[in-house]
């Protein structure tokens, strides 16, 4: 499982350059219906170990995210792709 870094302070100068997810981490347990207990490494000891399901992303959700290719453009009766 990966943790969303939206509410975690980092040392990056801007949020745009910071990593979007931290992980992968091991799930230890499920204390509630909408929360998970995550095993974090020692350097993240200041972060609370229980995370809401909205702050957790599975690896399959990250890997299945694919940007579709733009449609080809016909130039001189041949199909070509426009590159921005």
N, C-alpha and C. Protein backbone atom coordinates (compact mmCIF):
# COMPACT_ATOMS: atom_id res chain seq x y z
N UNK A 1 0.83 -1.17 0.00
CA UNK A 1 0.00 0.00 0.00
C UNK A 1 0.88 1.25 0.00
N UNK A 2 0.41 2.26 -0.67
CA UNK A 2 1.10 3.55 -0.72
C UNK A 2 0.27 4.58 0.03
N UNK A 3 0.94 5.57 0.60
CA UNK A 3 0.27 6.63 1.36
C UNK A 3 0.32 7.91 0.55
N UNK A 4 -0.80 8.59 0.45
CA UNK A 4 -0.88 9.87 -0.23
C UNK A 4 -0.16 10.92 0.61
N UNK A 5 0.68 11.72 -0.01
CA UNK A 5 1.50 12.70 0.74
C UNK A 5 0.85 14.07 0.83
N UNK A 6 -0.41 14.17 0.52
CA UNK A 6 -1.10 15.46 0.50
C UNK A 6 -1.03 16.19 1.85
N UNK A 7 -1.16 15.44 2.95
CA UNK A 7 -1.19 16.06 4.28
C UNK A 7 0.08 15.79 5.09
N UNK A 8 1.14 15.34 4.43
CA UNK A 8 2.40 15.07 5.12
C UNK A 8 3.40 16.14 4.72
N UNK A 9 4.01 16.78 5.70
CA UNK A 9 5.00 17.83 5.41
C UNK A 9 6.27 17.20 4.87
N UNK A 10 6.87 17.85 3.87
CA UNK A 10 8.11 17.36 3.30
C UNK A 10 9.12 18.50 3.21
N UNK A 11 10.34 18.17 2.83
CA UNK A 11 11.39 19.17 2.73
C UNK A 11 11.51 19.74 1.32
N UNK A 12 10.67 19.30 0.40
CA UNK A 12 10.70 19.84 -0.96
C UNK A 12 10.28 21.31 -0.94
N UNK A 13 10.85 22.10 -1.82
CA UNK A 13 10.55 23.53 -1.85
C UNK A 13 9.13 23.79 -2.36
N UNK A 14 8.64 22.95 -3.27
CA UNK A 14 7.26 23.10 -3.76
C UNK A 14 6.58 21.74 -3.77
N UNK A 15 5.26 21.75 -3.63
CA UNK A 15 4.51 20.49 -3.66
C UNK A 15 4.53 19.86 -5.04
N UNK A 16 4.70 20.67 -6.06
CA UNK A 16 4.71 20.17 -7.42
C UNK A 16 5.88 19.21 -7.66
N UNK A 17 7.01 19.48 -7.02
CA UNK A 17 8.20 18.64 -7.20
C UNK A 17 8.24 17.46 -6.23
N UNK A 18 7.42 17.49 -5.20
CA UNK A 18 7.45 16.44 -4.19
C UNK A 18 6.80 15.17 -4.73
N UNK A 19 7.12 14.05 -4.10
CA UNK A 19 6.52 12.78 -4.48
C UNK A 19 5.04 12.79 -4.11
N UNK A 20 4.23 12.14 -4.94
CA UNK A 20 2.80 12.10 -4.69
C UNK A 20 2.42 11.00 -3.70
N UNK A 21 3.19 9.92 -3.69
CA UNK A 21 2.92 8.78 -2.82
C UNK A 21 4.19 8.36 -2.10
N UNK A 22 4.03 7.84 -0.88
CA UNK A 22 5.12 7.23 -0.13
C UNK A 22 4.85 5.74 -0.04
N UNK A 23 5.88 4.95 -0.13
CA UNK A 23 5.66 3.53 0.04
C UNK A 23 6.52 2.71 -0.87
N UNK A 24 6.29 1.45 -0.97
CA UNK A 24 5.17 0.67 -0.42
C UNK A 24 5.38 0.33 1.05
N UNK A 25 4.26 0.24 1.77
CA UNK A 25 4.28 -0.11 3.19
C UNK A 25 3.40 -1.33 3.42
N UNK A 26 3.67 -1.99 4.53
CA UNK A 26 2.93 -3.19 4.90
C UNK A 26 1.74 -2.81 5.77
N UNK A 27 0.59 -3.42 5.51
CA UNK A 27 -0.60 -3.21 6.33
C UNK A 27 -0.54 -4.19 7.49
N UNK A 28 -0.61 -3.65 8.72
CA UNK A 28 -0.54 -4.49 9.93
C UNK A 28 -1.93 -4.96 10.33
N UNK A 29 -2.90 -4.05 10.27
CA UNK A 29 -4.24 -4.41 10.70
C UNK A 29 -5.27 -3.42 10.21
N UNK A 30 -6.52 -3.68 10.60
CA UNK A 30 -7.63 -2.82 10.22
C UNK A 30 -8.44 -2.52 11.49
N UNK A 31 -8.10 -1.42 12.19
CA UNK A 31 -8.78 -1.14 13.46
C UNK A 31 -10.24 -0.70 13.32
N UNK A 32 -10.62 -0.19 12.16
CA UNK A 32 -12.00 0.24 11.94
C UNK A 32 -12.45 -0.11 10.54
N UNK A 33 -13.67 0.30 10.21
CA UNK A 33 -14.18 -0.03 8.88
C UNK A 33 -13.58 0.86 7.79
N UNK A 34 -13.10 2.04 8.17
CA UNK A 34 -12.55 2.98 7.19
C UNK A 34 -11.11 3.38 7.50
N UNK A 35 -10.37 2.52 8.21
CA UNK A 35 -9.00 2.87 8.57
C UNK A 35 -8.11 1.63 8.52
N UNK A 36 -6.81 1.88 8.27
CA UNK A 36 -5.81 0.82 8.23
C UNK A 36 -4.63 1.20 9.10
N UNK A 37 -4.04 0.22 9.73
CA UNK A 37 -2.83 0.39 10.52
C UNK A 37 -1.65 0.00 9.63
N UNK A 38 -0.74 0.94 9.39
CA UNK A 38 0.36 0.76 8.46
C UNK A 38 1.68 0.71 9.23
N UNK A 39 2.56 -0.22 8.84
CA UNK A 39 3.90 -0.30 9.44
C UNK A 39 4.80 0.67 8.69
N UNK A 40 5.26 1.70 9.39
CA UNK A 40 6.13 2.73 8.79
C UNK A 40 7.57 2.52 9.23
N UNK A 41 8.54 2.95 8.41
CA UNK A 41 9.95 2.84 8.82
C UNK A 41 10.28 3.84 9.94
N UNK A 42 11.44 3.65 10.56
CA UNK A 42 11.83 4.47 11.71
C UNK A 42 11.95 5.94 11.39
N UNK A 43 12.34 6.31 10.17
CA UNK A 43 12.52 7.73 9.86
C UNK A 43 11.17 8.46 9.73
N UNK A 44 10.06 7.75 9.72
CA UNK A 44 8.73 8.36 9.70
C UNK A 44 8.01 8.17 11.04
N UNK A 45 8.79 8.13 12.13
CA UNK A 45 8.23 7.85 13.45
C UNK A 45 7.26 8.93 13.95
N UNK A 46 7.31 10.12 13.41
CA UNK A 46 6.45 11.22 13.88
C UNK A 46 5.05 11.15 13.26
N UNK A 47 4.84 10.29 12.29
CA UNK A 47 3.53 10.18 11.63
C UNK A 47 2.71 9.11 12.33
N UNK A 48 1.45 9.42 12.56
CA UNK A 48 0.52 8.48 13.19
C UNK A 48 0.34 7.27 12.28
N UNK A 49 0.25 6.08 12.84
CA UNK A 49 0.24 4.84 12.07
C UNK A 49 -1.12 4.46 11.47
N UNK A 50 -2.20 5.11 11.89
CA UNK A 50 -3.53 4.78 11.39
C UNK A 50 -3.91 5.77 10.31
N UNK A 51 -4.31 5.24 9.13
CA UNK A 51 -4.65 6.08 7.99
C UNK A 51 -6.07 5.78 7.52
N UNK A 52 -6.79 6.81 7.13
CA UNK A 52 -8.12 6.66 6.53
C UNK A 52 -7.95 6.07 5.14
N UNK A 53 -8.97 5.35 4.67
CA UNK A 53 -8.88 4.69 3.37
C UNK A 53 -8.72 5.68 2.22
N UNK A 54 -9.13 6.93 2.42
CA UNK A 54 -8.96 7.93 1.36
C UNK A 54 -7.50 8.36 1.20
N UNK A 55 -6.65 8.06 2.20
CA UNK A 55 -5.24 8.43 2.15
C UNK A 55 -4.35 7.28 1.71
N UNK A 56 -4.95 6.13 1.36
CA UNK A 56 -4.19 4.95 0.98
C UNK A 56 -4.52 4.57 -0.45
N UNK A 57 -3.48 4.24 -1.21
CA UNK A 57 -3.65 3.82 -2.61
C UNK A 57 -2.93 2.50 -2.79
N UNK A 58 -3.57 1.54 -3.44
CA UNK A 58 -2.90 0.27 -3.68
C UNK A 58 -2.00 0.37 -4.91
N UNK A 59 -1.06 -0.52 -5.00
CA UNK A 59 -0.10 -0.51 -6.10
C UNK A 59 -0.79 -0.73 -7.44
N UNK A 60 -1.83 -1.53 -7.47
CA UNK A 60 -2.52 -1.81 -8.73
C UNK A 60 -3.20 -0.54 -9.27
N UNK A 61 -3.68 0.34 -8.40
CA UNK A 61 -4.30 1.58 -8.86
C UNK A 61 -3.27 2.52 -9.48
N UNK A 62 -2.05 2.52 -8.97
CA UNK A 62 -1.00 3.38 -9.51
C UNK A 62 -0.51 2.85 -10.85
N UNK A 63 -0.31 1.53 -10.94
CA UNK A 63 0.23 0.94 -12.17
C UNK A 63 -0.78 0.91 -13.30
N UNK A 64 -2.08 0.84 -12.99
CA UNK A 64 -3.10 0.78 -14.04
C UNK A 64 -3.46 2.14 -14.60
N UNK A 65 -2.86 3.19 -14.08
CA UNK A 65 -3.14 4.53 -14.58
C UNK A 65 -2.34 4.76 -15.86
N UNK A 66 -3.04 4.79 -16.98
CA UNK A 66 -2.39 4.95 -18.28
C UNK A 66 -3.00 6.15 -19.00
N UNK A 67 -2.15 7.02 -19.49
CA UNK A 67 -2.64 8.15 -20.28
C UNK A 67 -2.84 7.70 -21.72
N UNK A 68 -4.01 7.90 -22.29
CA UNK A 68 -4.24 7.47 -23.67
C UNK A 68 -3.45 8.33 -24.65
N UNK A 69 -3.05 7.73 -25.76
CA UNK A 69 -2.33 8.46 -26.80
C UNK A 69 -3.28 9.40 -27.53
N UNK A 70 -2.80 10.54 -28.01
CA UNK A 70 -3.67 11.42 -28.77
C UNK A 70 -4.00 10.79 -30.13
N UNK A 71 -5.11 11.17 -30.72
CA UNK A 71 -5.45 10.59 -32.02
C UNK A 71 -4.47 11.05 -33.10
N UNK A 72 -4.21 10.21 -34.10
CA UNK A 72 -3.28 10.61 -35.17
C UNK A 72 -3.92 11.66 -36.09
N UNK A 73 -3.07 12.43 -36.75
CA UNK A 73 -3.50 13.47 -37.69
C UNK A 73 -3.09 13.01 -39.09
N UNK A 74 -3.99 13.16 -40.04
CA UNK A 74 -3.68 12.75 -41.41
C UNK A 74 -3.02 13.89 -42.17
N UNK A 75 -1.78 13.67 -42.61
CA UNK A 75 -1.01 14.65 -43.38
C UNK A 75 -0.51 13.95 -44.64
N UNK A 76 -0.88 14.47 -45.79
CA UNK A 76 -0.48 13.91 -47.08
C UNK A 76 -0.80 12.40 -47.16
N UNK A 77 -2.00 12.07 -46.79
CA UNK A 77 -2.54 10.69 -46.80
C UNK A 77 -1.74 9.70 -45.97
N UNK A 78 -1.03 10.19 -44.94
CA UNK A 78 -0.37 9.31 -43.98
C UNK A 78 -0.71 9.79 -42.58
N UNK A 79 -0.86 8.85 -41.68
CA UNK A 79 -1.22 9.18 -40.30
C UNK A 79 0.04 9.52 -39.51
N UNK A 80 -0.01 10.67 -38.82
CA UNK A 80 1.12 11.11 -38.00
C UNK A 80 0.59 11.60 -36.67
N UNK A 81 1.47 11.56 -35.66
CA UNK A 81 1.11 12.03 -34.33
C UNK A 81 1.72 13.41 -34.11
N UNK A 82 0.94 14.29 -33.52
CA UNK A 82 1.44 15.62 -33.18
C UNK A 82 2.07 15.57 -31.80
N UNK A 83 3.29 16.09 -31.67
CA UNK A 83 4.02 16.09 -30.40
C UNK A 83 4.13 17.52 -29.91
N UNK A 84 3.70 17.73 -28.67
CA UNK A 84 3.74 19.07 -28.10
C UNK A 84 5.09 19.33 -27.46
